[in-house]
Amino acid sequence: METTPVLPPPATESPTPWNWARKNLFSTWYNSILTIVCLIVAFQTIKGIILWATTKAQWRVLEANLPLFFAGRFPSESYWRLWIVAGIIALLGGLTWGNIQREERLWNPPTLILLGAAVVGAVISPIDQTSRFYLLGIIIATAASYVAARQINPKILGWMPAIWALSFPVILWLIKGGLGLTEVSTNDWGGLVLTLFLAIISIVLSFPLGVLLALGRQSSLPVVKLLSTLYIEIVRGLPLIGILFLGQVMLQLFLPPEYPKLDRVIRAIAGLTLFSAAYLAENVRGGLQAVPRGQIEAARAIGLNTPLLTILIVLPQALRIVIPAIGGQFIGLFMDTSLLALFGMLELIGISRAVLANPSYIGRYAEVYIFVGIIYWVFCYSMSQAGRKIERSLEKSH
């Protein structure tokens, strides 16, 4: 009998940068031309941006108005309240982040890069020494709570949603005042504080409303299904600017005459919530339809009634499926807060317009809007990463 000769394994190239570039960037003559052209365009673009940022840009507009961008017209003597709010959010955020990444390495490269960038940004930022001290303290508190989350029993950290909910009244009390603190009118709220407040409250309110609308549209009760469908289709057929206009101008008309006038922040939150809930309902409905029919039949076979079937079997699976879509909806809602500048609210875009209206800073559009764009990108990217982490933790990453 003839034996099959044992062949040596195929030769592999060493994973050097040149081998990678030859395989991925210069594999053919046209790929080589495209690579060279893209490198030239990228080099010229980056060179132009660096030259403009270092020689022509006037960053003093940011340094002089930094408190306005972050706190608006909030009284400077009450800034300590905002720092406490930031500290509470940092502690709870660190605990939540550490719990989500419990199964991963403690100090992975992305986390170290993020922490290092935050420290460097705090050190070089054009703020006073007291604010820099507070900012570094918040970064240290976030890192400490992130590490502490690994040592805490996961069952305890399972109460984090409830802890976040309980922290909201404290945060609202610190921002608005009352009960021993000087009250700050919502007319003085602005900048990043107002943007985050509008976005977070609208997200928290629109999520359960969107889920209820999705369940209503899937309901077997004709009246509930009809009303849910009408609401979703009518709201999705209107532009957001129209919904916000209705909230700011006409919402008060639907209330009794003796009812006190609603605050403009409440009216803005109502418009954002009602609009986002309709789109969120359709995302959740897609998840409900994606749940296998066999899951429902098996649940009915073991005697689960409709409410338990929905809460324990259908809804958890549907929400896991649509986590990417829900994350995208929340990011869109965060960016949609910029439209409130059209109604005179001084959130990030509104405060930017107010700064640019100052004769001393006329024409500094690029510096201001690049800065504001970076802030929006940081928060949107953080929300995107959080959604991906939650998706992985639920073992639904696709």
Protein backbone atom coordinates (compact mmCIF):
# COMPACT_ATOMS: atom_id res chain seq x y z
CA MET A 1 0.00 0.00 0.00
CA GLU A 2 1.20 3.45 -0.85
CA THR A 3 1.19 6.00 1.94
CA THR A 4 0.14 9.57 1.39
CA PRO A 5 3.15 11.82 1.85
CA VAL A 6 2.93 14.25 4.71
CA LEU A 7 3.09 17.72 3.24
CA PRO A 8 4.48 20.65 5.22
CA PRO A 9 2.04 23.40 6.24
CA PRO A 10 1.72 26.25 3.75
CA ALA A 11 4.14 29.04 4.32
CA THR A 12 2.62 32.09 5.93
CA GLU A 13 3.91 35.58 5.83
CA SER A 14 4.92 37.21 9.07
CA PRO A 15 2.28 39.74 10.24
CA THR A 16 4.36 42.84 9.63
CA PRO A 17 2.83 46.24 8.75
CA TRP A 18 4.33 46.04 5.25
CA ASN A 19 2.76 42.60 4.60
CA TRP A 20 -0.60 43.86 5.82
CA ALA A 21 -0.37 46.96 3.61
CA ARG A 22 0.66 44.92 0.57
CA LYS A 23 -2.26 42.55 1.05
CA ASN A 24 -4.95 45.13 1.84
CA LEU A 25 -3.84 48.39 0.21
CA PHE A 26 -1.51 47.51 -2.67
CA SER A 27 -2.83 44.12 -3.81
CA THR A 28 -3.48 45.30 -7.39
CA TRP A 29 -2.42 48.25 -9.53
CA TYR A 30 -5.80 50.02 -9.23
CA ASN A 31 -5.90 49.45 -5.46
CA SER A 32 -2.44 51.00 -5.27
CA ILE A 33 -3.60 54.07 -7.22
CA LEU A 34 -6.69 54.47 -5.02
CA THR A 35 -4.58 54.11 -1.87
CA ILE A 36 -2.10 56.75 -3.01
CA VAL A 37 -4.87 59.17 -4.03
CA CYS A 38 -6.69 58.70 -0.71
CA LEU A 39 -3.45 59.22 1.23
CA ILE A 40 -2.74 62.46 -0.65
CA VAL A 41 -6.29 63.78 -0.06
CA ALA A 42 -6.18 62.78 3.60
CA PHE A 43 -2.76 64.39 4.08
CA GLN A 44 -3.83 67.65 2.47
CA THR A 45 -7.08 67.73 4.48
CA ILE A 46 -5.39 67.04 7.81
CA LYS A 47 -2.63 69.53 6.98
CA GLY A 48 -5.19 72.24 6.21
CA ILE A 49 -7.13 71.57 9.42
CA ILE A 50 -3.96 71.68 11.54
CA LEU A 51 -2.75 74.90 9.91
CA TRP A 52 -6.16 76.54 10.39
CA ALA A 53 -6.43 75.35 14.02
CA THR A 54 -2.93 76.57 14.94
CA THR A 55 -2.63 79.80 12.95
CA LYS A 56 -6.03 81.21 11.99
CA ALA A 57 -8.57 79.92 14.50
CA GLN A 58 -9.35 82.17 17.46
CA TRP A 59 -10.12 79.78 20.31
CA ARG A 60 -10.51 82.61 22.79
CA VAL A 61 -14.24 82.60 22.02
CA LEU A 62 -14.46 79.18 23.71
CA GLU A 63 -12.25 80.08 26.66
CA ALA A 64 -14.23 83.22 27.41
CA ASN A 65 -17.64 81.55 27.14
CA LEU A 66 -16.96 78.07 28.49
CA PRO A 67 -19.32 78.47 31.50
CA LEU A 68 -22.10 79.52 29.12
CA PHE A 69 -21.66 76.43 26.95
CA PHE A 70 -21.93 74.10 29.94
CA ALA A 71 -24.30 75.88 32.34
CA GLY A 72 -25.94 78.73 30.43
CA ARG A 73 -27.05 81.57 32.72
CA PHE A 74 -27.08 79.36 35.81
CA PRO A 75 -25.91 81.52 38.77
CA SER A 76 -22.15 81.19 39.21
CA GLU A 77 -22.49 81.10 43.00
CA SER A 78 -24.53 77.89 42.63
CA TYR A 79 -22.12 76.07 40.34
CA TRP A 80 -21.25 73.77 43.24
CA ARG A 81 -24.70 72.23 42.87
CA LEU A 82 -23.95 71.28 39.27
CA TRP A 83 -20.62 69.76 40.33
CA ILE A 84 -22.45 67.61 42.90
CA VAL A 85 -24.89 66.51 40.19
CA ALA A 86 -21.94 65.60 37.95
CA GLY A 87 -20.39 63.65 40.83
CA ILE A 88 -23.59 61.66 41.45
CA ILE A 89 -23.88 60.81 37.77
CA ALA A 90 -20.18 59.86 37.62
CA LEU A 91 -20.45 57.51 40.62
CA LEU A 92 -23.59 55.78 39.35
CA GLY A 93 -22.24 55.71 35.79
CA GLY A 94 -18.99 54.09 36.95
CA LEU A 95 -20.87 51.43 38.91
CA THR A 96 -23.14 50.71 35.95
CA TRP A 97 -20.25 50.56 33.47
CA GLY A 98 -18.21 48.29 35.75
CA ASN A 99 -21.17 45.94 36.17
CA ILE A 100 -21.72 45.75 32.40
CA GLN A 101 -18.03 44.95 31.80
CA ARG A 102 -17.78 42.49 34.70
CA GLU A 103 -16.80 39.61 32.42
CA GLU A 104 -14.09 41.58 30.61
CA ARG A 105 -10.62 42.69 31.64
CA LEU A 106 -10.53 45.40 34.28
CA TRP A 107 -8.26 47.81 32.38
CA ASN A 108 -8.58 47.02 28.69
CA PRO A 109 -6.94 49.35 26.13
CA PRO A 110 -10.13 51.30 25.20
CA THR A 111 -10.87 52.01 28.87
CA LEU A 112 -7.30 53.13 29.54
CA ILE A 113 -7.32 55.38 26.46
CA LEU A 114 -10.64 56.92 27.53
CA LEU A 115 -9.41 57.50 31.07
CA GLY A 116 -6.13 58.99 29.87
CA ALA A 117 -7.91 61.29 27.40
CA ALA A 118 -10.24 62.49 30.17
CA VAL A 119 -7.32 63.28 32.49
CA VAL A 120 -5.38 65.10 29.75
CA GLY A 121 -8.49 67.04 28.75
CA ALA A 122 -9.07 68.10 32.35
CA VAL A 123 -5.47 69.24 32.74
CA ILE A 124 -5.25 71.28 29.54
CA SER A 125 -8.81 72.64 29.53
CA PRO A 126 -9.04 76.46 29.82
CA ILE A 127 -10.85 76.51 33.18
CA ASP A 128 -9.98 77.88 36.59
CA GLN A 129 -8.05 75.83 39.13
CA THR A 130 -11.10 75.10 41.30
CA SER A 131 -13.08 73.73 38.36
CA ARG A 132 -10.08 71.71 37.21
CA PHE A 133 -9.81 70.21 40.71
CA TYR A 134 -13.52 69.30 40.66
CA LEU A 135 -13.21 67.78 37.20
CA LEU A 136 -10.22 65.63 38.15
CA GLY A 137 -12.09 64.53 41.28
CA ILE A 138 -15.06 63.42 39.17
CA ILE A 139 -12.77 61.43 36.87
CA ILE A 140 -11.14 59.73 39.87
CA ALA A 141 -14.58 58.98 41.37
CA THR A 142 -15.71 57.44 38.09
CA ALA A 143 -12.61 55.21 37.90
CA ALA A 144 -12.95 54.22 41.58
CA SER A 145 -16.62 53.28 41.23
CA TYR A 146 -15.78 51.36 38.03
CA VAL A 147 -13.25 49.28 39.99
CA ALA A 148 -15.56 48.92 43.01
CA ALA A 149 -18.33 47.50 40.80
CA ARG A 150 -16.16 44.40 40.25
CA GLN A 151 -16.08 43.75 44.01
CA ILE A 152 -19.79 44.28 44.70
CA ASN A 153 -22.26 41.41 44.56
CA PRO A 154 -24.00 41.40 41.15
CA LYS A 155 -27.36 40.95 42.90
CA ILE A 156 -26.86 44.29 44.62
CA LEU A 157 -25.93 46.02 41.36
CA GLY A 158 -29.07 44.54 39.86
CA TRP A 159 -30.86 47.36 41.68
CA MET A 160 -29.00 50.01 39.67
CA PRO A 161 -32.10 51.02 37.61
CA ALA A 162 -33.96 51.70 40.87
CA ILE A 163 -30.98 53.63 42.26
CA TRP A 164 -30.85 55.76 39.09
CA ALA A 165 -34.58 56.45 39.48
CA LEU A 166 -34.16 57.44 43.13
CA SER A 167 -31.28 59.78 42.25
CA PHE A 168 -33.45 61.80 39.86
CA PRO A 169 -35.38 63.73 42.56
CA VAL A 170 -32.08 64.63 44.23
CA ILE A 171 -30.59 65.82 40.93
CA LEU A 172 -33.72 67.83 40.10
CA TRP A 173 -33.66 69.41 43.57
CA LEU A 174 -30.01 70.41 43.16
CA ILE A 175 -30.59 71.96 39.74
CA LYS A 176 -33.93 73.68 40.32
CA GLY A 177 -33.53 74.47 44.02
CA GLY A 178 -36.14 74.83 46.72
CA LEU A 179 -36.27 73.14 50.16
CA GLY A 180 -33.37 75.17 51.49
CA LEU A 181 -31.65 75.95 48.18
CA THR A 182 -32.07 79.10 46.14
CA GLU A 183 -34.53 78.38 43.35
CA VAL A 184 -33.17 78.78 39.82
CA SER A 185 -35.71 79.53 37.10
CA THR A 186 -35.70 77.31 34.04
CA ASN A 187 -35.13 80.48 32.02
CA ASP A 188 -31.60 80.45 33.46
CA TRP A 189 -30.98 76.82 32.50
CA GLY A 190 -28.92 76.47 29.37
CA GLY A 191 -26.04 74.92 27.54
CA LEU A 192 -25.12 71.30 28.13
CA VAL A 193 -27.14 71.14 31.37
CA LEU A 194 -30.39 71.92 29.58
CA THR A 195 -29.57 69.66 26.62
CA LEU A 196 -28.89 66.66 28.87
CA PHE A 197 -31.94 67.35 31.03
CA LEU A 198 -34.26 67.51 28.02
CA ALA A 199 -32.75 64.43 26.38
CA ILE A 200 -32.65 62.22 29.47
CA ILE A 201 -36.20 62.99 30.64
CA SER A 202 -37.58 62.58 27.12
CA ILE A 203 -35.79 59.23 26.72
CA VAL A 204 -37.04 57.95 30.08
CA LEU A 205 -40.63 58.95 29.32
CA SER A 206 -40.75 57.93 25.65
CA PHE A 207 -39.49 54.38 26.25
CA PRO A 208 -42.45 53.02 28.28
CA LEU A 209 -44.91 55.03 26.17
CA GLY A 210 -43.44 53.57 22.98
CA VAL A 211 -43.61 50.04 24.39
CA LEU A 212 -47.27 50.52 25.37
CA LEU A 213 -48.09 51.87 21.91
CA ALA A 214 -46.38 48.89 20.27
CA LEU A 215 -48.32 46.47 22.46
CA GLY A 216 -51.50 48.41 21.75
CA ARG A 217 -50.97 48.15 17.99
CA GLN A 218 -50.52 44.38 18.40
CA SER A 219 -53.56 44.11 20.68
CA SER A 220 -56.57 41.99 19.82
CA LEU A 221 -58.90 44.69 21.21
CA PRO A 222 -60.14 46.70 18.20
CA VAL A 223 -60.48 50.03 20.03
CA VAL A 224 -57.00 49.85 21.59
CA LYS A 225 -55.45 48.78 18.29
CA LEU A 226 -57.23 51.55 16.35
CA LEU A 227 -56.24 54.32 18.78
CA SER A 228 -52.62 53.16 18.94
CA THR A 229 -52.39 52.91 15.16
CA LEU A 230 -53.94 56.34 14.65
CA TYR A 231 -51.55 57.96 17.11
CA ILE A 232 -48.47 56.32 15.58
CA GLU A 233 -49.39 57.09 12.00
CA ILE A 234 -50.46 60.68 12.68
CA VAL A 235 -47.37 61.59 14.69
CA ARG A 236 -45.01 59.86 12.24
CA GLY A 237 -46.62 61.85 9.45
CA LEU A 238 -45.76 65.20 11.05
CA PRO A 239 -42.34 66.87 11.18
CA LEU A 240 -40.70 67.20 14.59
CA ILE A 241 -40.60 70.99 14.29
CA GLY A 242 -44.39 70.95 13.97
CA ILE A 243 -44.78 68.76 17.06
CA LEU A 244 -42.49 71.07 19.04
CA PHE A 245 -44.49 74.09 17.86
CA LEU A 246 -47.72 72.45 19.01
CA GLY A 247 -46.12 71.65 22.36
CA GLN A 248 -44.85 75.20 22.90
CA VAL A 249 -47.91 77.08 21.67
CA MET A 250 -51.01 74.86 21.75
CA LEU A 251 -50.45 72.36 24.57
CA GLN A 252 -51.76 74.84 27.13
CA LEU A 253 -55.02 75.13 25.15
CA PHE A 254 -55.88 71.49 25.88
CA LEU A 255 -55.77 72.11 29.64
CA PRO A 256 -58.52 73.67 31.81
CA PRO A 257 -58.45 77.50 31.95
CA GLU A 258 -57.72 77.49 35.67
CA TYR A 259 -54.73 75.19 35.21
CA PRO A 260 -51.39 77.00 35.80
CA LYS A 261 -49.26 77.73 32.77
CA LEU A 262 -46.88 74.92 31.94
CA ASP A 263 -43.18 75.65 32.07
CA ARG A 264 -41.54 75.84 28.65
CA VAL A 265 -39.15 73.03 29.57
CA ILE A 266 -42.11 70.77 30.36
CA ARG A 267 -43.72 71.70 27.04
CA ALA A 268 -40.47 70.91 25.20
CA ILE A 269 -40.18 67.53 26.94
CA ALA A 270 -43.80 66.75 26.03
CA GLY A 271 -43.16 67.45 22.35
CA LEU A 272 -39.96 65.38 22.22
CA THR A 273 -41.56 62.51 24.15
CA LEU A 274 -44.71 62.29 22.04
CA PHE A 275 -42.73 62.38 18.81
CA SER A 276 -40.07 59.86 19.84
CA ALA A 277 -42.62 57.43 21.33
CA ALA A 278 -44.31 56.95 17.94
CA TYR A 279 -41.05 55.95 16.23
CA LEU A 280 -39.97 53.84 19.18
CA ALA A 281 -43.30 51.99 19.03
CA GLU A 282 -42.59 50.87 15.47
CA ASN A 283 -39.11 49.66 16.45
CA VAL A 284 -40.54 47.63 19.32
CA ARG A 285 -43.33 46.30 17.10
CA GLY A 286 -40.68 44.93 14.75
CA GLY A 287 -39.13 43.10 17.70
CA LEU A 288 -42.52 41.73 18.76
CA GLN A 289 -43.11 40.32 15.30
CA ALA A 290 -39.63 38.74 15.29
CA VAL A 291 -40.32 36.59 18.36
CA PRO A 292 -40.84 33.00 17.16
CA ARG A 293 -44.44 31.83 17.24
CA GLY A 294 -43.36 28.65 18.99
CA GLN A 295 -42.32 30.66 22.05
CA ILE A 296 -45.85 32.00 22.43
CA GLU A 297 -47.47 28.61 21.90
CA ALA A 298 -45.14 26.95 24.42
CA ALA A 299 -45.93 29.64 27.01
CA ARG A 300 -49.66 29.14 26.50
CA ALA A 301 -49.19 25.39 26.79
CA ILE A 302 -47.80 25.74 30.32
CA GLY A 303 -50.76 27.89 31.35
CA LEU A 304 -49.43 31.48 31.17
CA ASN A 305 -52.13 34.09 30.67
CA THR A 306 -51.74 36.98 28.25
CA PRO A 307 -50.20 39.57 30.66
CA LEU A 308 -47.61 37.09 31.99
CA LEU A 309 -46.91 35.83 28.48
CA THR A 310 -46.21 39.38 27.32
CA ILE A 311 -44.14 40.48 30.33
CA LEU A 312 -42.09 37.31 30.87
CA ILE A 313 -41.73 35.79 27.39
CA VAL A 314 -42.47 38.09 24.48
CA LEU A 315 -41.38 41.56 25.58
CA PRO A 316 -37.89 40.66 26.91
CA GLN A 317 -37.01 38.86 23.67
CA ALA A 318 -38.45 41.66 21.52
CA LEU A 319 -36.48 44.35 23.36
CA ARG A 320 -33.23 42.37 23.06
CA ILE A 321 -33.74 42.07 19.32
CA VAL A 322 -34.27 45.79 18.76
CA ILE A 323 -31.53 47.14 21.07
CA PRO A 324 -29.59 48.64 18.08
CA ALA A 325 -32.73 50.34 16.75
CA ILE A 326 -33.66 51.69 20.20
CA GLY A 327 -30.12 52.99 20.68
CA GLY A 328 -30.30 54.78 17.33
CA GLN A 329 -33.65 56.29 18.30
CA PHE A 330 -32.25 57.61 21.58
CA ILE A 331 -29.23 59.11 19.80
CA GLY A 332 -31.57 60.81 17.35
CA LEU A 333 -33.65 62.17 20.22
CA PHE A 334 -30.52 63.59 21.87
CA MET A 335 -29.61 65.43 18.68
CA ASP A 336 -33.21 66.58 18.10
CA THR A 337 -32.98 68.76 21.22
CA SER A 338 -31.01 71.21 19.05
CA LEU A 339 -34.27 72.19 17.29
CA LEU A 340 -35.47 73.84 20.49
CA ALA A 341 -33.06 76.70 19.73
CA LEU A 342 -35.68 77.85 17.22
CA PHE A 343 -38.03 78.52 20.16
CA GLY A 344 -35.55 80.62 22.10
CA MET A 345 -34.34 77.87 24.44
CA LEU A 346 -30.64 78.26 25.21
CA GLU A 347 -29.51 74.64 24.95
CA LEU A 348 -26.17 73.96 23.22
CA ILE A 349 -27.16 75.32 19.81
CA GLY A 350 -29.18 78.14 21.33
CA ILE A 351 -26.31 79.25 23.57
CA SER A 352 -23.97 79.05 20.57
CA ARG A 353 -26.20 81.44 18.64
CA ALA A 354 -26.28 83.77 21.64
CA VAL A 355 -22.48 83.75 21.86
CA LEU A 356 -22.09 84.41 18.15
CA ALA A 357 -24.49 87.33 18.40
CA ASN A 358 -21.93 89.11 20.57
CA PRO A 359 -20.16 91.70 18.37
CA SER A 360 -16.81 90.59 19.82
CA TYR A 361 -17.23 87.09 18.34
CA ILE A 362 -18.92 87.74 15.01
CA GLY A 363 -17.58 85.38 12.37
CA ARG A 364 -16.27 82.75 14.79
CA TYR A 365 -18.77 80.16 13.53
CA ALA A 366 -16.22 77.44 12.78
CA GLU A 367 -14.63 77.48 16.24
CA VAL A 368 -17.96 77.47 18.09
CA TYR A 369 -19.73 74.84 16.00
CA ILE A 370 -16.70 72.52 15.90
CA PHE A 371 -16.63 72.64 19.70
CA VAL A 372 -20.38 71.98 19.96
CA GLY A 373 -20.11 69.21 17.36
CA ILE A 374 -17.40 67.50 19.41
CA ILE A 375 -19.65 67.60 22.49
CA TYR A 376 -22.54 66.04 20.56
CA TRP A 377 -20.22 63.39 19.11
CA VAL A 378 -18.81 62.43 22.52
CA PHE A 379 -22.25 61.83 24.00
CA CYS A 380 -23.66 60.10 20.92
CA TYR A 381 -20.62 57.82 20.65
CA SER A 382 -20.88 57.01 24.37
CA MET A 383 -24.54 56.08 23.92
CA SER A 384 -23.64 53.90 20.95
CA GLN A 385 -20.92 52.09 22.91
CA ALA A 386 -23.25 51.60 25.87
CA GLY A 387 -25.84 50.02 23.56
CA ARG A 388 -23.23 47.65 22.14
CA LYS A 389 -22.10 46.65 25.65
CA ILE A 390 -25.68 45.95 26.71
CA GLU A 391 -26.20 43.95 23.53
CA ARG A 392 -23.14 41.82 24.25
CA SER A 393 -24.08 41.34 27.88
CA LEU A 394 -27.45 39.97 26.76
CA GLU A 395 -25.71 37.69 24.26
CA LYS A 396 -27.62 39.17 21.34
CA SER A 397 -24.75 40.65 19.37
CA HIS A 398 -25.15 39.97 15.61
